[in-house]
Each structure stands twice: as C-alpha cells, then as structure tokens.
Amino acid sequence: MSAFSNPLKARFKDTEPLYGLWLSLASANAAEALAHAGFDWLCVDMEHAPNDTAEVTAQLRAIAAAHLPSEPVVRVPACEPWLVKRVLDAGARTLMFPNIESAESAARAVRLTRYPQADSPDGLRGVAGVVRASAFGARRDYLQGANAQIATILQIESARALDEIDLIAATPGVDCLFVGPADLAASLGHLGDAKHPEVEAALGRVLGAASRAGVAAGIFALDAASARQYRDAGFRFISLAVDVVWLVRAARAALQEARS
C-alpha cells in the first residue's frame, strides 16, 4: 500500500470496530507515544485543544514516525476554507468537522476537502504544489490522486442535525457520522445526561441514517464499558477517551494509592 494512501478510508466499510483516542495535549511526544499503543486512529483536536497548524503538523509527523497503522484524524474547529486547506496541505487525510446541522453544510465540508476535478467539479480546495502532503513536490501524482484519499467525518451534535440526518448521511463524499453525545444531550435539553432516553433514541436515529446511506457511525465514549455498549449498538468508529483525562486519572490514582 502506498505511503500516500489512506487505509482508514477503506476501513470505514469494514464491520470491525475502529478504536481511537483524542489528542488534546498539543504534544508531539505524547502523540508518538500513543501511536505505539495500537489505536486504529488518533484525533488531533483543534476545536477544544490548543493545537495550531504547526502543532498539528508536528503531531502528524510524530504519528507517522511510529510506523504503525494509527491513522491521524484532525478535527478542525470550523468549516473555514483557509484552515481546512492548511491542514490538508500539512498531510492530514482524514478530517472531522464539528456541529454539522444540514445537508448544505455537509456538502460544503466535503467540497472544502476536494480539488476541483471531474469527480468533484465544485471542489473548493486551493492548489499548492510544494507542501508536506505531496512530499514537498516529490509526489508528482498527488494532485490527481488526493481527492480519492480524503476521508470526511461529520459530527452530529444538535437537535437541528437530527431533522436532516438522512440528507446529511446521504451527502456524496461523507465517510462517517460521528456523534458528540455531550453536545447532543445539551441540545436536546439534557445537559450532562447523555444516557437520557431521548438522547439514546437520537443515537438510534443516527445509526439508522448511517446504515441506510452506507456510511460508518462513530461516537465518543468516556470509558471502555461505554465503548462496548456503543459497539454492540452498531457504532464502529469509537473514541475511548482523551489523552489528558487518562493522564490526570492515572496521576490521581497513583497519588491516592501512595497516600493510603
């Protein structure tokens, strides 16, 4: 398989679950260390973590240095053309867009990741030749093959998104619908209660839409037990936690044990 291909994009069609971890420490060392842990994917978060494009690039390099199949996912903070362009040029092949609420915004997210070509004539990605994504110009066929290697994940986080969930899921170029349970619960009037029956019913609606459209469904799980429950429900792209949460939790547990 080419070093420039995106194995995660193909694996979205598999039935096996894909487990990942959120990277919020803005640390290339942490990203590289966790890439050795065996996750299927690692999400570099630009929305709620202090990651700018230089730090994203450093973490993309760090994950690649592990030479293991942990595919980096970059969550951009918004559908901003200049920011999406920078992340793609840095070498990201899988992007996650937060709070997609309509088929129109879903289509725009996809367009931002595509060069204008025959397969995507309305693509909005700007062209730059000498960037990390193209091995700084050494990969001569990058422009022709890039569109086919980009995977697009859309986050479903609001009641409004549920109203158009089937249209969002069916948007050409979408690979995965990813639920943010905390934000979705808040939008449904159940702040802090992601297990509320109304929220669980909403999860079922997302799963159904994803299944009908033939795309993967993903979700953020706070622990292994929740991850197993979501897996059994049908979610296949599952985040286990956040790096900083595990760091603080382990540190507190060790301190408590030492003091006991």
Protein backbone atom coordinates (compact mmCIF):
# COMPACT_ATOMS: atom_id res chain seq x y z
CA MET A 1 0.00 0.00 0.00
CA SER A 2 1.32 3.45 -0.91
CA ALA A 3 2.53 5.69 1.89
CA PHE A 4 0.19 8.32 0.45
CA SER A 5 -2.95 6.22 0.54
CA ASN A 6 -5.47 6.42 3.37
CA PRO A 7 -6.12 2.97 4.85
CA LEU A 8 -8.70 4.35 7.27
CA LYS A 9 -10.96 5.46 4.42
CA ALA A 10 -11.20 1.89 3.17
CA ARG A 11 -11.72 0.54 6.69
CA PHE A 12 -14.85 2.66 7.18
CA LYS A 13 -16.55 0.00 5.05
CA ASP A 14 -15.44 -2.85 7.33
CA THR A 15 -17.63 -4.36 10.00
CA GLU A 16 -14.83 -4.45 12.58
CA PRO A 17 -14.84 -1.58 15.11
CA LEU A 18 -12.15 1.09 14.84
CA TYR A 19 -10.95 2.39 18.21
CA GLY A 20 -9.30 5.76 18.66
CA LEU A 21 -8.19 8.34 21.17
CA TRP A 22 -8.49 12.12 21.36
CA LEU A 23 -5.19 14.06 21.44
CA SER A 24 -5.63 17.32 23.34
CA LEU A 25 -2.21 17.81 24.96
CA ALA A 26 -0.78 19.50 21.84
CA SER A 27 2.29 17.33 22.30
CA ALA A 28 4.15 15.57 19.51
CA ASN A 29 5.85 13.32 22.08
CA ALA A 30 2.50 12.24 23.52
CA ALA A 31 1.14 11.65 20.01
CA GLU A 32 4.10 9.48 19.04
CA ALA A 33 3.98 7.51 22.30
CA LEU A 34 0.26 6.84 21.91
CA ALA A 35 0.73 5.84 18.29
CA HIS A 36 2.73 2.89 19.65
CA ALA A 37 -0.27 1.80 21.76
CA GLY A 38 -2.05 0.23 18.79
CA PHE A 39 -5.06 2.51 18.25
CA ASP A 40 -6.67 2.40 14.83
CA TRP A 41 -6.83 6.19 14.77
CA LEU A 42 -5.78 9.22 16.81
CA CYS A 43 -7.68 12.51 16.66
CA VAL A 44 -5.67 15.72 16.81
CA ASP A 45 -8.19 18.18 18.19
CA MET A 46 -8.13 21.79 17.02
CA GLU A 47 -11.54 22.71 18.41
CA HIS A 48 -11.14 22.32 22.17
CA ALA A 49 -7.35 21.93 22.41
CA PRO A 50 -4.56 24.47 21.81
CA ASN A 51 -3.41 22.95 18.52
CA ASP A 52 -2.50 25.33 15.71
CA THR A 53 -1.44 24.17 12.25
CA ALA A 54 2.25 23.96 13.19
CA GLU A 55 1.44 21.72 16.16
CA VAL A 56 -0.88 19.62 14.00
CA THR A 57 1.95 19.13 11.50
CA ALA A 58 4.33 18.10 14.28
CA GLN A 59 1.85 15.51 15.55
CA LEU A 60 1.21 14.16 12.04
CA ARG A 61 4.96 13.59 11.73
CA ALA A 62 5.14 12.04 15.18
CA ILE A 63 2.32 9.57 14.49
CA ALA A 64 3.90 8.62 11.17
CA ALA A 65 7.24 8.04 12.92
CA ALA A 66 5.74 5.17 14.91
CA HIS A 67 5.39 3.16 11.66
CA LEU A 68 2.19 1.59 12.97
CA PRO A 69 -1.31 1.76 11.44
CA SER A 70 -2.64 4.54 13.67
CA GLU A 71 -4.22 6.93 11.18
CA PRO A 72 -4.32 10.57 12.28
CA VAL A 73 -7.67 12.34 12.19
CA VAL A 74 -7.71 16.13 12.50
CA ARG A 75 -10.79 17.80 13.94
CA VAL A 76 -10.91 21.33 12.60
CA PRO A 77 -12.77 23.94 14.69
CA ALA A 78 -14.96 25.16 11.82
CA CYS A 79 -15.61 24.89 8.08
CA GLU A 80 -13.13 27.64 7.28
CA PRO A 81 -11.51 27.27 3.84
CA TRP A 82 -8.11 28.66 4.83
CA LEU A 83 -7.86 26.38 7.85
CA VAL A 84 -9.01 23.22 6.05
CA LYS A 85 -6.52 23.99 3.27
CA ARG A 86 -3.63 24.30 5.73
CA VAL A 87 -4.48 21.05 7.49
CA LEU A 88 -4.75 19.14 4.21
CA ASP A 89 -1.51 20.64 2.91
CA ALA A 90 0.14 19.56 6.16
CA GLY A 91 -0.67 15.97 5.25
CA ALA A 92 -3.93 15.18 7.03
CA ARG A 93 -6.02 12.70 5.04
CA THR A 94 -8.98 12.32 7.39
CA LEU A 95 -10.81 15.42 8.65
CA MET A 96 -13.58 15.75 11.19
CA PHE A 97 -15.96 18.71 11.00
CA PRO A 98 -17.87 19.72 14.15
CA ASN A 99 -21.55 20.54 14.51
CA ILE A 100 -22.83 19.82 11.01
CA GLU A 101 -26.54 20.67 11.03
CA SER A 102 -27.75 20.48 7.43
CA ALA A 103 -27.21 18.78 4.12
CA GLU A 104 -25.94 22.11 2.79
CA SER A 105 -23.23 22.39 5.47
CA ALA A 106 -22.35 18.71 4.95
CA ALA A 107 -21.83 19.28 1.23
CA ARG A 108 -19.72 22.36 1.91
CA ALA A 109 -17.47 20.42 4.29
CA VAL A 110 -16.86 17.82 1.60
CA ARG A 111 -16.20 20.47 -1.04
CA LEU A 112 -13.54 22.09 1.16
CA THR A 113 -11.54 18.85 1.10
CA ARG A 114 -11.68 18.35 -2.69
CA TYR A 115 -9.71 19.79 -5.56
CA PRO A 116 -11.94 20.84 -8.48
CA GLN A 117 -11.69 17.79 -10.74
CA ALA A 118 -14.03 15.62 -12.77
CA ASP A 119 -15.10 13.68 -9.67
CA SER A 120 -15.72 16.90 -7.74
CA PRO A 121 -16.16 19.84 -10.14
CA ASP A 122 -17.31 22.13 -7.34
CA GLY A 123 -14.33 21.36 -5.10
CA LEU A 124 -13.01 24.32 -3.13
CA ARG A 125 -9.54 23.18 -2.09
CA GLY A 126 -6.82 25.55 -3.23
CA VAL A 127 -3.78 24.21 -5.07
CA ALA A 128 -0.25 24.39 -3.73
CA GLY A 129 2.48 22.14 -5.10
CA VAL A 130 5.31 22.18 -2.58
CA VAL A 131 3.60 21.09 0.64
CA ARG A 132 4.09 18.21 3.06
CA ALA A 133 1.06 16.36 1.68
CA SER A 134 2.82 15.98 -1.69
CA ALA A 135 6.22 15.18 -0.12
CA PHE A 136 7.13 18.79 -0.89
CA GLY A 137 6.60 18.29 -4.59
CA ALA A 138 8.32 14.89 -4.89
CA ARG A 139 4.99 13.10 -5.27
CA ARG A 140 4.12 14.26 -8.78
CA ASP A 141 0.76 12.48 -8.91
CA TYR A 142 -0.52 13.88 -5.62
CA LEU A 143 -2.94 16.38 -7.15
CA GLN A 144 -4.55 13.72 -9.34
CA GLY A 145 -5.00 11.19 -6.52
CA ALA A 146 -5.67 13.37 -3.49
CA ASN A 147 -9.47 13.53 -3.71
CA ALA A 148 -9.79 9.75 -3.59
CA GLN A 149 -7.71 9.56 -0.41
CA ILE A 150 -9.50 12.17 1.71
CA ALA A 151 -11.98 10.85 4.29
CA THR A 152 -14.65 13.16 5.70
CA ILE A 153 -16.22 12.72 9.13
CA LEU A 154 -19.17 14.88 10.12
CA GLN A 155 -20.10 15.45 13.75
CA ILE A 156 -23.76 15.26 14.72
CA GLU A 157 -24.19 17.35 17.85
CA SER A 158 -27.57 19.07 17.75
CA ALA A 159 -31.30 18.57 17.56
CA ARG A 160 -31.33 20.51 14.28
CA ALA A 161 -28.95 17.98 12.72
CA LEU A 162 -31.38 15.20 13.58
CA ASP A 163 -34.04 16.90 11.44
CA GLU A 164 -31.86 16.43 8.35
CA ILE A 165 -29.92 13.36 9.42
CA ASP A 166 -30.83 11.24 6.38
CA LEU A 167 -29.89 14.01 3.96
CA ILE A 168 -26.62 14.64 5.80
CA ALA A 169 -25.72 10.96 5.78
CA ALA A 170 -26.50 10.63 2.06
CA THR A 171 -24.27 13.56 1.08
CA PRO A 172 -21.73 12.34 -1.51
CA GLY A 173 -18.21 12.21 -0.06
CA VAL A 174 -19.25 11.60 3.55
CA ASP A 175 -17.49 8.61 5.13
CA CYS A 176 -18.70 8.70 8.73
CA LEU A 177 -21.24 10.36 11.02
CA PHE A 178 -19.71 10.95 14.45
CA VAL A 179 -21.91 11.72 17.45
CA GLY A 180 -20.81 14.06 20.20
CA PRO A 181 -23.11 12.75 22.97
CA ALA A 182 -22.48 15.58 25.43
CA ASP A 183 -23.37 18.34 22.97
CA LEU A 184 -26.25 16.37 21.52
CA ALA A 185 -27.67 15.81 25.02
CA ALA A 186 -27.34 19.52 25.78
CA SER A 187 -29.08 20.46 22.54
CA LEU A 188 -31.95 18.12 23.39
CA GLY A 189 -32.34 19.75 26.80
CA HIS A 190 -30.49 17.13 28.83
CA LEU A 191 -27.18 18.80 29.68
CA GLY A 192 -24.89 16.34 31.46
CA ASP A 193 -27.20 13.36 30.85
CA ALA A 194 -26.01 11.53 27.73
CA LYS A 195 -27.88 8.40 28.91
CA HIS A 196 -31.31 10.07 28.84
CA PRO A 197 -33.85 8.03 26.81
CA GLU A 198 -34.37 10.89 24.38
CA VAL A 199 -30.62 11.05 23.72
CA GLU A 200 -30.42 7.28 23.26
CA ALA A 201 -33.31 7.47 20.82
CA ALA A 202 -31.40 10.14 18.90
CA LEU A 203 -28.38 7.84 18.72
CA GLY A 204 -30.63 5.24 17.15
CA ARG A 205 -31.72 7.75 14.52
CA VAL A 206 -28.08 8.49 13.63
CA LEU A 207 -27.28 4.78 13.41
CA GLY A 208 -30.27 4.21 11.15
CA ALA A 209 -29.36 7.07 8.83
CA ALA A 210 -25.75 5.92 8.59
CA SER A 211 -26.84 2.37 7.80
CA ARG A 212 -29.26 3.49 5.09
CA ALA A 213 -26.57 5.68 3.49
CA GLY A 214 -23.87 3.02 3.73
CA VAL A 215 -21.53 5.13 5.86
CA ALA A 216 -19.93 4.41 9.23
CA ALA A 217 -21.30 5.68 12.54
CA GLY A 218 -18.93 6.87 15.26
CA ILE A 219 -19.22 8.14 18.79
CA PHE A 220 -17.23 9.49 21.71
CA ALA A 221 -17.16 7.06 24.66
CA LEU A 222 -15.86 8.09 28.07
CA ASP A 223 -14.67 4.63 29.09
CA ALA A 224 -14.25 1.05 27.91
CA ALA A 225 -17.63 -0.06 29.26
CA SER A 226 -19.45 2.65 27.28
CA ALA A 227 -17.35 1.79 24.23
CA ARG A 228 -18.52 -1.82 24.39
CA GLN A 229 -22.16 -0.71 24.71
CA TYR A 230 -21.85 1.60 21.72
CA ARG A 231 -20.09 -1.13 19.72
CA ASP A 232 -22.87 -3.59 20.46
CA ALA A 233 -25.44 -0.96 19.41
CA GLY A 234 -23.79 -0.65 16.00
CA PHE A 235 -21.23 2.14 16.26
CA ARG A 236 -17.96 1.18 14.59
CA PHE A 237 -15.74 4.27 14.90
CA ILE A 238 -15.30 4.74 18.63
CA SER A 239 -13.18 7.09 20.71
CA LEU A 240 -12.21 5.64 24.08
CA ALA A 241 -11.29 8.85 25.88
CA VAL A 242 -8.99 11.89 25.84
CA ASP A 243 -5.26 11.70 26.48
CA VAL A 244 -5.31 14.35 29.22
CA VAL A 245 -8.17 12.57 31.02
CA TRP A 246 -6.18 9.35 31.24
CA LEU A 247 -3.07 11.26 32.31
CA VAL A 248 -4.81 13.06 35.17
CA ARG A 249 -6.80 9.98 36.21
CA ALA A 250 -3.69 7.80 36.42
CA ALA A 251 -1.76 10.50 38.28
CA ARG A 252 -4.54 10.98 40.85
CA ALA A 253 -4.90 7.22 41.35
CA ALA A 254 -1.16 6.78 41.90
CA LEU A 255 -1.06 9.68 44.36
CA GLN A 256 -4.08 8.36 46.25
CA GLU A 257 -2.52 4.90 46.45
CA ALA A 258 0.77 6.33 47.72
CA ARG A 259 -1.00 8.34 50.42
CA SER A 260 -3.24 5.49 51.57
